[in-house]
Amino acid sequence: MNSRHKEKQNIRTKKLKTYSFGDVFGKDLKSETFKNTYREEMTRLRLARQMREMRIAKKLTQKDVAEKAHMPQSVIARMESGKHSPSLFTLERIANVFDKEVQLA
Protein backbone atom coordinates (compact mmCIF):
# COMPACT_ATOMS: atom_id res chain seq x y z
CA MET A 1 0.00 0.00 0.00
CA ASN A 2 1.54 3.30 -1.02
CA SER A 3 1.74 6.29 1.31
CA ARG A 4 -0.90 8.24 -0.59
CA HIS A 5 -3.41 5.41 -0.21
CA LYS A 6 -2.62 5.15 3.53
CA GLU A 7 -3.16 8.88 3.92
CA LYS A 8 -6.58 8.67 2.25
CA GLN A 9 -7.51 5.70 4.44
CA ASN A 10 -6.49 7.59 7.59
CA ILE A 11 -8.62 10.56 6.57
CA ARG A 12 -11.66 8.30 6.10
CA THR A 13 -11.28 6.64 9.48
CA LYS A 14 -10.67 9.80 11.52
CA LYS A 15 -13.67 11.07 13.41
CA LEU A 16 -14.58 14.60 12.54
CA LYS A 17 -15.07 16.98 15.41
CA THR A 18 -18.34 18.86 15.16
CA TYR A 19 -18.97 22.34 16.45
CA SER A 20 -22.29 23.93 17.37
CA PHE A 21 -23.36 27.31 16.10
CA GLY A 22 -22.62 28.70 19.57
CA ASP A 23 -19.12 27.17 19.57
CA VAL A 24 -18.27 28.92 16.34
CA PHE A 25 -20.09 32.23 16.83
CA GLY A 26 -20.43 32.43 20.63
CA LYS A 27 -18.60 35.74 21.09
CA ASP A 28 -20.05 37.20 17.91
CA LEU A 29 -23.62 36.50 19.01
CA LYS A 30 -23.23 39.25 21.63
CA SER A 31 -22.51 41.85 18.94
CA GLU A 32 -25.52 43.80 17.61
CA THR A 33 -23.71 44.32 14.32
CA PHE A 34 -23.18 40.58 13.91
CA LYS A 35 -26.79 39.79 14.86
CA ASN A 36 -28.16 42.31 12.37
CA THR A 37 -25.85 41.14 9.58
CA TYR A 38 -26.69 37.50 10.28
CA ARG A 39 -30.44 38.26 10.26
CA GLU A 40 -30.12 40.11 6.93
CA GLU A 41 -28.16 37.25 5.38
CA MET A 42 -30.67 34.65 6.55
CA THR A 43 -33.53 36.75 5.17
CA ARG A 44 -31.81 36.96 1.78
CA LEU A 45 -31.20 33.19 1.74
CA ARG A 46 -34.82 32.42 2.75
CA LEU A 47 -36.06 34.71 0.00
CA ALA A 48 -33.81 33.00 -2.53
CA ARG A 49 -35.08 29.57 -1.48
CA GLN A 50 -38.74 30.65 -1.56
CA MET A 51 -38.35 32.22 -4.98
CA ARG A 52 -36.77 29.09 -6.41
CA GLU A 53 -39.39 26.81 -4.81
CA MET A 54 -42.27 28.90 -6.19
CA ARG A 55 -40.69 28.96 -9.64
CA ILE A 56 -40.22 25.20 -9.66
CA ALA A 57 -43.73 24.57 -8.29
CA LYS A 58 -45.17 26.58 -11.19
CA LYS A 59 -42.87 24.74 -13.61
CA LEU A 60 -41.25 27.96 -14.77
CA THR A 61 -37.67 28.47 -15.87
CA GLN A 62 -35.61 31.41 -14.70
CA LYS A 63 -36.03 32.80 -18.20
CA ASP A 64 -39.84 32.50 -17.93
CA VAL A 65 -39.87 34.43 -14.65
CA ALA A 66 -37.49 37.05 -16.01
CA GLU A 67 -39.60 37.62 -19.12
CA LYS A 68 -42.79 37.97 -17.08
CA ALA A 69 -41.03 40.38 -14.68
CA HIS A 70 -39.43 42.31 -17.60
CA MET A 71 -35.85 41.81 -16.49
CA PRO A 72 -32.80 39.80 -17.55
CA GLN A 73 -32.61 36.12 -16.58
CA SER A 74 -29.28 36.84 -14.88
CA VAL A 75 -31.08 38.90 -12.22
CA ILE A 76 -33.26 35.90 -11.34
CA ALA A 77 -30.22 33.62 -11.24
CA ARG A 78 -28.31 35.99 -8.93
CA MET A 79 -31.31 36.33 -6.62
CA GLU A 80 -31.86 32.57 -6.44
CA SER A 81 -28.20 32.07 -5.62
CA GLY A 82 -28.60 34.33 -2.58
CA LYS A 83 -25.69 36.48 -3.73
CA HIS A 84 -27.78 39.45 -4.82
CA SER A 85 -29.86 41.81 -2.70
CA PRO A 86 -32.74 42.97 -4.86
CA SER A 87 -34.39 46.37 -4.65
CA LEU A 88 -37.97 46.63 -3.46
CA PHE A 89 -38.99 47.46 -7.02
CA THR A 90 -37.37 44.25 -8.31
CA LEU A 91 -38.99 42.19 -5.55
CA GLU A 92 -42.41 43.61 -6.40
CA ARG A 93 -42.00 42.76 -10.07
CA ILE A 94 -41.05 39.19 -9.23
CA ALA A 95 -43.79 38.87 -6.61
CA ASN A 96 -46.35 39.87 -9.27
CA VAL A 97 -45.21 36.94 -11.43
CA PHE A 98 -46.27 34.60 -8.60
CA ASP A 99 -49.43 36.57 -7.64
CA LYS A 100 -47.80 37.50 -4.31
CA GLU A 101 -47.25 40.70 -2.37
CA VAL A 102 -44.08 41.90 -0.68
CA GLN A 103 -44.82 42.19 3.05
CA LEU A 104 -42.95 42.70 6.27
CA ALA A 105 -43.37 39.76 8.61
PDB file of N, CA and C in Angstrom:
ATOM      1  N   MET A   1       0.853  -1.172   0.000  1.00  0.00           N
ATOM      2  CA  MET A   1       0.000   0.000   0.000  1.00  0.00           C
ATOM      3  C   MET A   1       0.901   1.238   0.000  1.00  0.00           C
ATOM      4  N   ASN A   2       0.682   2.118  -0.952  1.00  0.00           N
ATOM      5  CA  ASN A   2       1.539   3.296  -1.021  1.00  0.00           C
ATOM      6  C   ASN A   2       1.129   4.335   0.029  1.00  0.00           C
ATOM      7  N   SER A   3       1.975   5.299   0.256  1.00  0.00           N
ATOM      8  CA  SER A   3       1.735   6.290   1.310  1.00  0.00           C
ATOM      9  C   SER A   3       0.517   7.158   1.019  1.00  0.00           C
ATOM     10  N   ARG A   4       0.265   7.422  -0.231  1.00  0.00           N
ATOM     11  CA  ARG A   4      -0.901   8.235  -0.586  1.00  0.00           C
ATOM     12  C   ARG A   4      -2.196   7.504  -0.252  1.00  0.00           C
ATOM     13  N   HIS A   5      -2.238   6.216  -0.531  1.00  0.00           N
ATOM     14  CA  HIS A   5      -3.413   5.409  -0.206  1.00  0.00           C
ATOM     15  C   HIS A   5      -3.617   5.341   1.308  1.00  0.00           C
ATOM     16  N   LYS A   6      -2.525   5.185   2.067  1.00  0.00           N
ATOM     17  CA  LYS A   6      -2.615   5.152   3.527  1.00  0.00           C
ATOM     18  C   LYS A   6      -3.157   6.470   4.064  1.00  0.00           C
ATOM     19  N   GLU A   7      -2.702   7.563   3.483  1.00  0.00           N
ATOM     20  CA  GLU A   7      -3.157   8.882   3.919  1.00  0.00           C
ATOM     21  C   GLU A   7      -4.657   9.032   3.700  1.00  0.00           C
ATOM     22  N   LYS A   8      -5.147   8.610   2.535  1.00  0.00           N
ATOM     23  CA  LYS A   8      -6.582   8.672   2.248  1.00  0.00           C
ATOM     24  C   LYS A   8      -7.363   7.798   3.218  1.00  0.00           C
ATOM     25  N   GLN A   9      -6.839   6.614   3.515  1.00  0.00           N
ATOM     26  CA  GLN A   9      -7.507   5.701   4.436  1.00  0.00           C
ATOM     27  C   GLN A   9      -7.570   6.313   5.838  1.00  0.00           C
ATOM     28  N   ASN A  10      -6.507   6.944   6.280  1.00  0.00           N
ATOM     29  CA  ASN A  10      -6.493   7.591   7.588  1.00  0.00           C
ATOM     30  C   ASN A  10      -7.514   8.718   7.672  1.00  0.00           C
ATOM     31  N   ILE A  11      -7.652   9.471   6.596  1.00  0.00           N
ATOM     32  CA  ILE A  11      -8.624  10.559   6.569  1.00  0.00           C
ATOM     33  C   ILE A  11     -10.035  10.007   6.706  1.00  0.00           C
ATOM     34  N   ARG A  12     -10.321   8.910   6.047  1.00  0.00           N
ATOM     35  CA  ARG A  12     -11.655   8.305   6.105  1.00  0.00           C
ATOM     36  C   ARG A  12     -11.984   7.769   7.490  1.00  0.00           C
ATOM     37  N   THR A  13     -11.010   7.265   8.197  1.00  0.00           N
ATOM     38  CA  THR A  13     -11.282   6.640   9.485  1.00  0.00           C
ATOM     39  C   THR A  13     -11.248   7.621  10.646  1.00  0.00           C
ATOM     40  N   LYS A  14     -10.700   8.800  10.459  1.00  0.00           N
ATOM     41  CA  LYS A  14     -10.673   9.797  11.521  1.00  0.00           C
ATOM     42  C   LYS A  14     -12.083  10.293  11.792  1.00  0.00           C
ATOM     43  N   LYS A  15     -12.381  10.498  13.064  1.00  0.00           N
ATOM     44  CA  LYS A  15     -13.671  11.071  13.409  1.00  0.00           C
ATOM     45  C   LYS A  15     -13.565  12.586  13.302  1.00  0.00           C
ATOM     46  N   LEU A  16     -14.560  13.153  12.687  1.00  0.00           N
ATOM     47  CA  LEU A  16     -14.581  14.600  12.539  1.00  0.00           C
ATOM     48  C   LEU A  16     -15.165  15.225  13.798  1.00  0.00           C
ATOM     49  N   LYS A  17     -14.556  16.266  14.264  1.00  0.00           N
ATOM     50  CA  LYS A  17     -15.074  16.985  15.414  1.00  0.00           C
ATOM     51  C   LYS A  17     -16.133  17.943  14.906  1.00  0.00           C
ATOM     52  N   THR A  18     -17.269  17.948  15.557  1.00  0.00           N
ATOM     53  CA  THR A  18     -18.335  18.855  15.159  1.00  0.00           C
ATOM     54  C   THR A  18     -18.421  20.008  16.146  1.00  0.00           C
ATOM     55  N   TYR A  19     -18.837  21.135  15.647  1.00  0.00           N
ATOM     56  CA  TYR A  19     -18.975  22.337  16.450  1.00  0.00           C
ATOM     57  C   TYR A  19     -20.398  22.858  16.323  1.00  0.00           C
ATOM     58  N   SER A  20     -20.949  23.339  17.408  1.00  0.00           N
ATOM     59  CA  SER A  20     -22.285  23.926  17.369  1.00  0.00           C
ATOM     60  C   SER A  20     -22.180  25.354  16.858  1.00  0.00           C
ATOM     61  N   PHE A  21     -23.317  25.922  16.529  1.00  0.00           N
ATOM     62  CA  PHE A  21     -23.356  27.309  16.098  1.00  0.00           C
ATOM     63  C   PHE A  21     -22.765  28.204  17.184  1.00  0.00           C
ATOM     64  N   GLY A  22     -23.129  27.931  18.438  1.00  0.00           N
ATOM     65  CA  GLY A  22     -22.618  28.703  19.565  1.00  0.00           C
ATOM     66  C   GLY A  22     -21.117  28.575  19.740  1.00  0.00           C
ATOM     67  N   ASP A  23     -20.575  27.365  19.477  1.00  0.00           N
ATOM     68  CA  ASP A  23     -19.124  27.168  19.567  1.00  0.00           C
ATOM     69  C   ASP A  23     -18.396  28.072  18.584  1.00  0.00           C
ATOM     70  N   VAL A  24     -18.938  28.174  17.396  1.00  0.00           N
ATOM     71  CA  VAL A  24     -18.274  28.920  16.342  1.00  0.00           C
ATOM     72  C   VAL A  24     -18.508  30.431  16.486  1.00  0.00           C
ATOM     73  N   PHE A  25     -19.734  30.808  16.816  1.00  0.00           N
ATOM     74  CA  PHE A  25     -20.089  32.227  16.828  1.00  0.00           C
ATOM     75  C   PHE A  25     -20.426  32.771  18.212  1.00  0.00           C
ATOM     76  N   GLY A  26     -20.069  32.051  19.269  1.00  0.00           N
ATOM     77  CA  GLY A  26     -20.429  32.432  20.628  1.00  0.00           C
ATOM     78  C   GLY A  26     -20.165  33.884  20.958  1.00  0.00           C
ATOM     79  N   LYS A  27     -18.944  34.345  20.779  1.00  0.00           N
ATOM     80  CA  LYS A  27     -18.603  35.739  21.094  1.00  0.00           C
ATOM     81  C   LYS A  27     -19.333  36.701  20.167  1.00  0.00           C
ATOM     82  N   ASP A  28     -19.416  36.325  18.894  1.00  0.00           N
ATOM     83  CA  ASP A  28     -20.045  37.203  17.907  1.00  0.00           C
ATOM     84  C   ASP A  28     -21.528  37.410  18.180  1.00  0.00           C
ATOM     85  N   LEU A  29     -22.192  36.405  18.770  1.00  0.00           N
ATOM     86  CA  LEU A  29     -23.624  36.502  19.015  1.00  0.00           C
ATOM     87  C   LEU A  29     -23.976  37.642  19.964  1.00  0.00           C
ATOM     88  N   LYS A  30     -23.002  38.139  20.702  1.00  0.00           N
ATOM     89  CA  LYS A  30     -23.233  39.247  21.630  1.00  0.00           C
ATOM     90  C   LYS A  30     -23.179  40.598  20.920  1.00  0.00           C
ATOM     91  N   SER A  31     -22.669  40.611  19.708  1.00  0.00           N
ATOM     92  CA  SER A  31     -22.509  41.849  18.945  1.00  0.00           C
ATOM     93  C   SER A  31     -23.799  42.163  18.175  1.00  0.00           C
ATOM     94  N   GLU A  32     -24.319  43.374  18.356  1.00  0.00           N
ATOM     95  CA  GLU A  32     -25.517  43.799  17.614  1.00  0.00           C
ATOM     96  C   GLU A  32     -25.256  43.840  16.117  1.00  0.00           C
ATOM     97  N   THR A  33     -24.070  44.266  15.739  1.00  0.00           N
ATOM     98  CA  THR A  33     -23.709  44.322  14.319  1.00  0.00           C
ATOM     99  C   THR A  33     -23.753  42.928  13.706  1.00  0.00           C
ATOM    100  N   PHE A  34     -23.168  41.958  14.411  1.00  0.00           N
ATOM    101  CA  PHE A  34     -23.177  40.584  13.911  1.00  0.00           C
ATOM    102  C   PHE A  34     -24.612  40.069  13.811  1.00  0.00           C
ATOM    103  N   LYS A  35     -25.409  40.282  14.864  1.00  0.00           N
ATOM    104  CA  LYS A  35     -26.789  39.793  14.860  1.00  0.00           C
ATOM    105  C   LYS A  35     -27.584  40.379  13.701  1.00  0.00           C
ATOM    106  N   ASN A  36     -27.422  41.672  13.463  1.00  0.00           N
ATOM    107  CA  ASN A  36     -28.155  42.306  12.366  1.00  0.00           C
ATOM    108  C   ASN A  36     -27.688  41.791  11.011  1.00  0.00           C
ATOM    109  N   THR A  37     -26.399  41.654  10.844  1.00  0.00           N
ATOM    110  CA  THR A  37     -25.846  41.141   9.580  1.00  0.00           C
ATOM    111  C   THR A  37     -26.296  39.706   9.340  1.00  0.00           C
ATOM    112  N   TYR A  38     -26.261  38.894  10.391  1.00  0.00           N
ATOM    113  CA  TYR A  38     -26.693  37.497  10.283  1.00  0.00           C
ATOM    114  C   TYR A  38     -28.177  37.434   9.901  1.00  0.00           C
ATOM    115  N   ARG A  39     -28.996  38.242  10.542  1.00  0.00           N
ATOM    116  CA  ARG A  39     -30.436  38.262  10.259  1.00  0.00           C
ATOM    117  C   ARG A  39     -30.683  38.665   8.799  1.00  0.00           C
ATOM    118  N   GLU A  40     -29.970  39.676   8.321  1.00  0.00           N
ATOM    119  CA  GLU A  40     -30.123  40.105   6.933  1.00  0.00           C
ATOM    120  C   GLU A  40     -29.724  39.005   5.954  1.00  0.00           C
ATOM    121  N   GLU A  41     -28.622  38.338   6.251  1.00  0.00           N
ATOM    122  CA  GLU A  41     -28.156  37.251   5.375  1.00  0.00           C
ATOM    123  C   GLU A  41     -29.162  36.103   5.344  1.00  0.00           C
ATOM    124  N   MET A  42     -29.688  35.737   6.498  1.00  0.00           N
ATOM    125  CA  MET A  42     -30.669  34.646   6.549  1.00  0.00           C
ATOM    126  C   MET A  42     -31.949  35.031   5.808  1.00  0.00           C
ATOM    127  N   THR A  43     -32.350  36.284   5.896  1.00  0.00           N
ATOM    128  CA  THR A  43     -33.532  36.751   5.169  1.00  0.00           C
ATOM    129  C   THR A  43     -33.309  36.636   3.672  1.00  0.00           C
ATOM    130  N   ARG A  44     -32.120  37.050   3.211  1.00  0.00           N
ATOM    131  CA  ARG A  44     -31.809  36.960   1.781  1.00  0.00           C
ATOM    132  C   ARG A  44     -31.813  35.499   1.318  1.00  0.00           C
ATOM    133  N   LEU A  45     -31.245  34.607   2.121  1.00  0.00           N
ATOM    134  CA  LEU A  45     -31.199  33.190   1.739  1.00  0.00           C
ATOM    135  C   LEU A  45     -32.593  32.555   1.748  1.00  0.00           C
ATOM    136  N   ARG A  46     -33.436  32.933   2.726  1.00  0.00           N
ATOM    137  CA  ARG A  46     -34.817  32.420   2.747  1.00  0.00           C
ATOM    138  C   ARG A  46     -35.581  32.898   1.522  1.00  0.00           C
ATOM    139  N   LEU A  47     -35.404  34.160   1.184  1.00  0.00           N
ATOM    140  CA  LEU A  47     -36.063  34.715   0.005  1.00  0.00           C
ATOM    141  C   LEU A  47     -35.624  33.971  -1.254  1.00  0.00           C
ATOM    142  N   ALA A  48     -34.343  33.730  -1.372  1.00  0.00           N
ATOM    143  CA  ALA A  48     -33.810  33.004  -2.534  1.00  0.00           C
ATOM    144  C   ALA A  48     -34.432  31.611  -2.628  1.00  0.00           C
ATOM    145  N   ARG A  49     -34.496  30.921  -1.494  1.00  0.00           N
ATOM    146  CA  ARG A  49     -35.076  29.574  -1.483  1.00  0.00           C
ATOM    147  C   ARG A  49     -36.558  29.613  -1.848  1.00  0.00           C
ATOM    148  N   GLN A  50     -37.303  30.555  -1.274  1.00  0.00           N
ATOM    149  CA  GLN A  50     -38.736  30.655  -1.562  1.00  0.00           C
ATOM    150  C   GLN A  50     -38.987  30.963  -3.030  1.00  0.00           C
ATOM    151  N   MET A  51     -38.196  31.869  -3.569  1.00  0.00           N
ATOM    152  CA  MET A  51     -38.347  32.218  -4.984  1.00  0.00           C
ATOM    153  C   MET A  51     -38.143  31.002  -5.875  1.00  0.00           C
ATOM    154  N   ARG A  52     -37.080  30.277  -5.608  1.00  0.00           N
ATOM    155  CA  ARG A  52     -36.767  29.090  -6.408  1.00  0.00           C
ATOM    156  C   ARG A  52     -37.865  28.037  -6.271  1.00  0.00           C
ATOM    157  N   GLU A  53     -38.338  27.813  -5.034  1.00  0.00           N
ATOM    158  CA  GLU A  53     -39.393  26.813  -4.806  1.00  0.00           C
ATOM    159  C   GLU A  53     -40.680  27.188  -5.527  1.00  0.00           C
ATOM    160  N   MET A  54     -41.050  28.477  -5.488  1.00  0.00           N
ATOM    161  CA  MET A  54     -42.268  28.904  -6.194  1.00  0.00           C
ATOM    162  C   MET A  54     -42.108  28.733  -7.702  1.00  0.00           C
ATOM    163  N   ARG A  55     -40.939  29.091  -8.200  1.00  0.00           N
ATOM    164  CA  ARG A  55     -40.690  28.963  -9.639  1.00  0.00           C
ATOM    165  C   ARG A  55     -40.807  27.506 -10.077  1.00  0.00           C
ATOM    166  N   ILE A  56     -40.188  26.625  -9.320  1.00  0.00           N
ATOM    167  CA  ILE A  56     -40.216  25.201  -9.664  1.00  0.00           C
ATOM    168  C   ILE A  56     -41.629  24.640  -9.537  1.00  0.00           C
ATOM    169  N   ALA A  57     -42.352  25.043  -8.494  1.00  0.00           N
ATOM    170  CA  ALA A  57     -43.726  24.566  -8.293  1.00  0.00           C
ATOM    171  C   ALA A  57     -44.628  24.963  -9.459  1.00  0.00           C
ATOM    172  N   LYS A  58     -44.373  26.125 -10.044  1.00  0.00           N
ATOM    173  CA  LYS A  58     -45.170  26.578 -11.189  1.00  0.00           C
ATOM    174  C   LYS A  58     -44.590  26.102 -12.520  1.00  0.00           C
ATOM    175  N   LYS A  59     -43.525  25.293 -12.418  1.00  0.00           N
ATOM    176  CA  LYS A  59     -42.872  24.738 -13.611  1.00  0.00           C
ATOM    177  C   LYS A  59     -42.396  25.833 -14.568  1.00  0.00           C
ATOM    178  N   LEU A  60     -41.792  26.856 -13.986  1.00  0.00           N
ATOM    179  CA  LEU A  60     -41.253  27.956 -14.775  1.00  0.00           C
ATOM    180  C   LEU A  60     -39.732  27.888 -14.760  1.00  0.00           C
ATOM    181  N   THR A  61     -39.126  28.329 -15.835  1.00  0.00           N
ATOM    182  CA  THR A  61     -37.674  28.466 -15.874  1.00  0.00           C
ATOM    183  C   THR A  61     -37.325  29.863 -15.358  1.00  0.00           C
ATOM    184  N   GLN A  62     -36.053  30.064 -15.083  1.00  0.00           N
ATOM    185  CA  GLN A  62     -35.611  31.407 -14.701  1.00  0.00           C
ATOM    186  C   GLN A  62     -35.920  32.394 -15.825  1.00  0.00           C
ATOM    187  N   LYS A  63     -35.751  31.942 -17.045  1.00  0.00           N
ATOM    188  CA  LYS A  63     -36.027  32.799 -18.202  1.00  0.00           C
ATOM    189  C   LYS A  63     -37.507  33.182 -18.250  1.00  0.00           C
ATOM    190  N   ASP A  64     -38.400  32.218 -17.947  1.00  0.00           N
ATOM    191  CA  ASP A  64     -39.840  32.500 -17.928  1.00  0.00           C
ATOM    192  C   ASP A  64     -40.161  33.595 -16.916  1.00  0.00           C
ATOM    193  N   VAL A  65     -39.617  33.447 -15.712  1.00  0.00           N
ATOM    194  CA  VAL A  65     -39.870  34.426 -14.649  1.00  0.00           C
ATOM    195  C   VAL A  65     -39.318  35.790 -15.064  1.00  0.00           C
ATOM    196  N   ALA A  66     -38.125  35.792 -15.593  1.00  0.00           N
ATOM    197  CA  ALA A  66     -37.494  37.045 -16.008  1.00  0.00           C
ATOM    198  C   ALA A  66     -38.320  37.756 -17.082  1.00  0.00           C
ATOM    199  N   GLU A  67     -38.793  37.008 -18.054  1.00  0.00           N
ATOM    200  CA  GLU A  67     -39.596  37.619 -19.123  1.00  0.00           C
ATOM    201  C   GLU A  67     -40.883  38.207 -18.558  1.00  0.00           C
ATOM    202  N   LYS A  68     -41.537  37.479 -17.661  1.00  0.00           N
ATOM    203  CA  LYS A  68     -42.790  37.967 -17.076  1.00  0.00           C
ATOM    204  C   LYS A  68     -42.555  39.179 -16.175  1.00  0.00           C
ATOM    205  N   ALA A  69     -41.373  39.259 -15.567  1.00  0.00           N
ATOM    206  CA  ALA A  69     -41.031  40.381 -14.684  1.00  0.00           C
ATOM    207  C   ALA A  69     -40.313  41.503 -15.444  1.00  0.00           C
ATOM    208  N   HIS A  70     -40.092  41.317 -16.750  1.00  0.00           N
ATOM    209  CA  HIS A  70     -39.430  42.312 -17.603  1.00  0.00           C
ATOM    210  C   HIS A  70     -38.030  42.667 -17.086  1.00  0.00           C
ATOM    211  N   MET A  71     -37.235  41.626 -16.931  1.00  0.00           N
ATOM    212  CA  MET A  71     -35.850  41.815 -16.491  1.00  0.00           C
ATOM    213  C   MET A  71     -34.993  40.699 -17.064  1.00  0.00           C
ATOM    214  N   PRO A  72     -33.678  40.848 -17.028  1.00  0.00           N
ATOM    215  CA  PRO A  72     -32.796  39.801 -17.548  1.00  0.00           C
ATOM    216  C   PRO A  72     -32.834  38.532 -16.671  1.00  0.00           C
ATOM    217  N   GLN A  73     -32.650  37.395 -17.295  1.00  0.00           N
ATOM    218  CA  GLN A  73     -32.609  36.118 -16.580  1.00  0.00           C
ATOM    219  C   GLN A  73     -31.490  36.111 -15.552  1.00  0.00           C
ATOM    220  N   SER A  74     -30.418  36.818 -15.813  1.00  0.00           N
ATOM    221  CA  SER A  74     -29.280  36.839 -14.884  1.00  0.00           C
ATOM    222  C   SER A  74     -29.655  37.419 -13.522  1.00  0.00           C
ATOM    223  N   VAL A  75     -30.618  38.343 -13.494  1.00  0.00           N
ATOM    224  CA  VAL A  75     -31.082  38.902 -12.216  1.00  0.00           C
ATOM    225  C   VAL A  75     -31.753  37.811 -11.393  1.00  0.00           C
ATOM    226  N   ILE A  76     -32.577  37.008 -12.035  1.00  0.00           N
ATOM    227  CA  ILE A  76     -33.260  35.904 -11.339  1.00  0.00           C
ATOM    228  C   ILE A  76     -32.229  34.907 -10.826  1.00  0.00           C
ATOM    229  N   ALA A  77     -31.259  34.573 -11.640  1.00  0.00           N
ATOM    230  CA  ALA A  77     -30.215  33.618 -11.242  1.00  0.00           C
ATOM    231  C   ALA A  77     -29.437  34.132 -10.035  1.00  0.00           C
ATOM    232  N   ARG A  78     -29.067  35.414 -10.055  1.00  0.00           N
ATOM    233  CA  ARG A  78     -28.314  35.987  -8.925  1.00  0.00           C
ATOM    234  C   ARG A  78     -29.165  36.004  -7.661  1.00  0.00           C
ATOM    235  N   MET A  79     -30.437  36.311  -7.797  1.00  0.00           N
ATOM    236  CA  MET A  79     -31.310  36.329  -6.618  1.00  0.00           C
ATOM    237  C   MET A  79     -31.475  34.928  -6.046  1.00  0.00           C
ATOM    238  N   GLU A  80     -31.692  33.943  -6.908  1.00  0.00           N
ATOM    239  CA  GLU A  80     -31.864  32.569  -6.442  1.00  0.00           C
ATOM    240  C   GLU A  80     -30.585  32.016  -5.814  1.00  0.00           C
ATOM    241  N   SER A  81     -29.456  32.536  -6.207  1.00  0.00           N
ATOM    242  CA  SER A  81     -28.195  32.073  -5.621  1.00  0.00           C
ATOM    243  C   SER A  81     -27.994  32.643  -4.223  1.00  0.00           C
ATOM    244  N   GLY A  82     -28.745  33.690  -3.886  1.00  0.00           N
ATOM    245  CA  GLY A  82     -28.602  34.327  -2.581  1.00  0.00           C
ATOM    246  C   GLY A  82     -27.453  35.316  -2.551  1.00  0.00           C
ATOM    247  N   LYS A  83     -26.851  35.586  -3.684  1.00  0.00           N
ATOM    248  CA  LYS A  83     -25.693  36.484  -3.735  1.00  0.00           C
ATOM    249  C   LYS A  83     -26.072  37.897  -4.137  1.00  0.00           C
ATOM    250  N   HIS A  84     -27.333  38.158  -4.327  1.00  0.00           N
ATOM    251  CA  HIS A  84     -27.780  39.454  -4.819  1.00  0.00           C
ATOM    252  C   HIS A  84     -28.895  39.960  -3.923  1.00  0.00           C
ATOM    253  N   SER A  85     -28.794  41.184  -3.481  1.00  0.00           N
ATOM    254  CA  SER A  85     -29.857  41.807  -2.698  1.00  0.00           C
ATOM    255  C   SER A  85     -30.698  42.667  -3.630  1.00  0.00           C
ATOM    256  N   PRO A  86     -31.910  42.244  -3.899  1.00  0.00           N
ATOM    257  CA  PRO A  86     -32.736  42.975  -4.857  1.00  0.00           C
ATOM    258  C   PRO A  86     -33.323  44.246  -4.241  1.00  0.00           C
ATOM    259  N   SER A  87     -33.685  45.171  -5.099  1.00  0.00           N
ATOM    260  CA  SER A  87     -34.394  46.368  -4.652  1.00  0.00           C
ATOM    261  C   SER A  87     -35.857  45.991  -4.402  1.00  0.00           C
ATOM    262  N   LEU A  88     -36.547  46.861  -3.703  1.00  0.00           N
ATOM    263  CA  LEU A  88     -37.969  46.631  -3.455  1.00  0.00           C
ATOM    264  C   LEU A  88     -38.737  46.584  -4.778  1.00  0.00           C
ATOM    265  N   PHE A  89     -38.358  47.434  -5.705  1.00  0.00           N
ATOM    266  CA  PHE A  89     -38.995  47.460  -7.021  1.00  0.00           C
ATOM    267  C   PHE A  89     -38.839  46.114  -7.726  1.00  0.00           C
ATOM    268  N   THR A  90     -37.628  45.556  -7.689  1.00  0.00           N
ATOM    269  CA  THR A  90     -37.373  44.252  -8.315  1.00  0.00           C
ATOM    270  C   THR A  90     -38.179  43.165  -7.623  1.00  0.00           C
ATOM    271  N   LEU A  91     -38.211  43.190  -6.293  1.00  0.00           N
ATOM    272  CA  LEU A  91     -38.994  42.193  -5.546  1.00  0.00           C
ATOM    273  C   LEU A  91     -40.472  42.257  -5.915  1.00  0.00           C
ATOM    274  N   GLU A  92     -40.999  43.463  -6.047  1.00  0.00           N
ATOM    275  CA  GLU A  92     -42.413  43.613  -6.400  1.00  0.00           C
ATOM    276  C   GLU A  92     -42.698  43.046  -7.784  1.00  0.00           C
ATOM    277  N   ARG A  93     -41.802  43.295  -8.718  1.00  0.00           N
ATOM    278  CA  ARG A  93     -41.997  42.765 -10.073  1.00  0.00           C
ATOM    279  C   ARG A  93     -41.995  41.241 -10.073  1.00  0.00           C
ATOM    280  N   ILE A  94     -41.110  40.654  -9.305  1.00  0.00           N
ATOM    281  CA  ILE A  94     -41.049  39.192  -9.228  1.00  0.00           C
ATOM    282  C   ILE A  94     -42.250  38.644  -8.459  1.00  0.00           C
ATOM    283  N   ALA A  95     -42.630  39.301  -7.389  1.00  0.00           N
ATOM    284  CA  ALA A  95     -43.795  38.866  -6.607  1.00  0.00           C
ATOM    285  C   ALA A  95     -45.044  38.840  -7.493  1.00  0.00           C
ATOM    286  N   ASN A  96     -45.192  39.818  -8.357  1.00  0.00           N
ATOM    287  CA  ASN A  96     -46.345  39.868  -9.266  1.00  0.00           C
ATOM    288  C   ASN A  96     -46.406  38.652 -10.175  1.00  0.00           C
ATOM    289  N   VAL A  97     -45.260  38.136 -10.576  1.00  0.00           N
ATOM    290  CA  VAL A  97     -45.214  36.944 -11.431  1.00  0.00           C
ATOM    291  C   VAL A  97     -45.892  35.770 -10.713  1.00  0.00           C
ATOM    292  N   PHE A  98     -45.734  35.707  -9.388  1.00  0.00           N
ATOM    293  CA  PHE A  98     -46.267  34.600  -8.598  1.00  0.00           C
ATOM    294  C   PHE A  98     -47.586  34.962  -7.900  1.00  0.00           C
ATOM    295  N   ASP A  99     -48.190  36.087  -8.281  1.00  0.00           N
ATOM    296  CA  ASP A  99     -49.428  36.566  -7.641  1.00  0.00           C
ATOM    297  C   ASP A  99     -49.244  36.714  -6.129  1.00  0.00           C
ATOM    298  N   LYS A 100     -48.113  37.283  -5.728  1.00  0.00           N
ATOM    299  CA  LYS A 100     -47.801  37.498  -4.313  1.00  0.00           C
ATOM    300  C   LYS A 100     -47.586  38.971  -4.063  1.00  0.00           C
ATOM    301  N   GLU A 101     -47.562  39.337  -2.776  1.00  0.00           N
ATOM    302  CA  GLU A 101     -47.249  40.700  -2.368  1.00  0.00           C
ATOM    303  C   GLU A 101     -46.006  40.688  -1.514  1.00  0.00           C
ATOM    304  N   VAL A 102     -45.238  41.757  -1.568  1.00  0.00           N
ATOM    305  CA  VAL A 102     -44.082  41.902  -0.683  1.00  0.00           C
ATOM    306  C   VAL A 102     -44.618  42.462   0.630  1.00  0.00           C
ATOM    307  N   GLN A 103     -44.336  41.776   1.733  1.00  0.00           N
ATOM    308  CA  GLN A 103     -44.819  42.185   3.052  1.00  0.00           C
ATOM    309  C   GLN A 103     -43.714  42.071   4.082  1.00  0.00           C
ATOM    310  N   LEU A 104     -43.832  42.857   5.123  1.00  0.00           N
ATOM    311  CA  LEU A 104     -42.953  42.704   6.267  1.00  0.00           C
ATOM    312  C   LEU A 104     -43.599  41.715   7.217  1.00  0.00           C
ATOM    313  N   ALA A 105     -42.814  40.777   7.705  1.00  0.00           N
ATOM    314  CA  ALA A 105     -43.366  39.763   8.612  1.00  0.00           C
ATOM    315  C   ALA A 105     -43.324  40.253  10.044  1.00  0.00           C
TER     316      ALA A 105
END
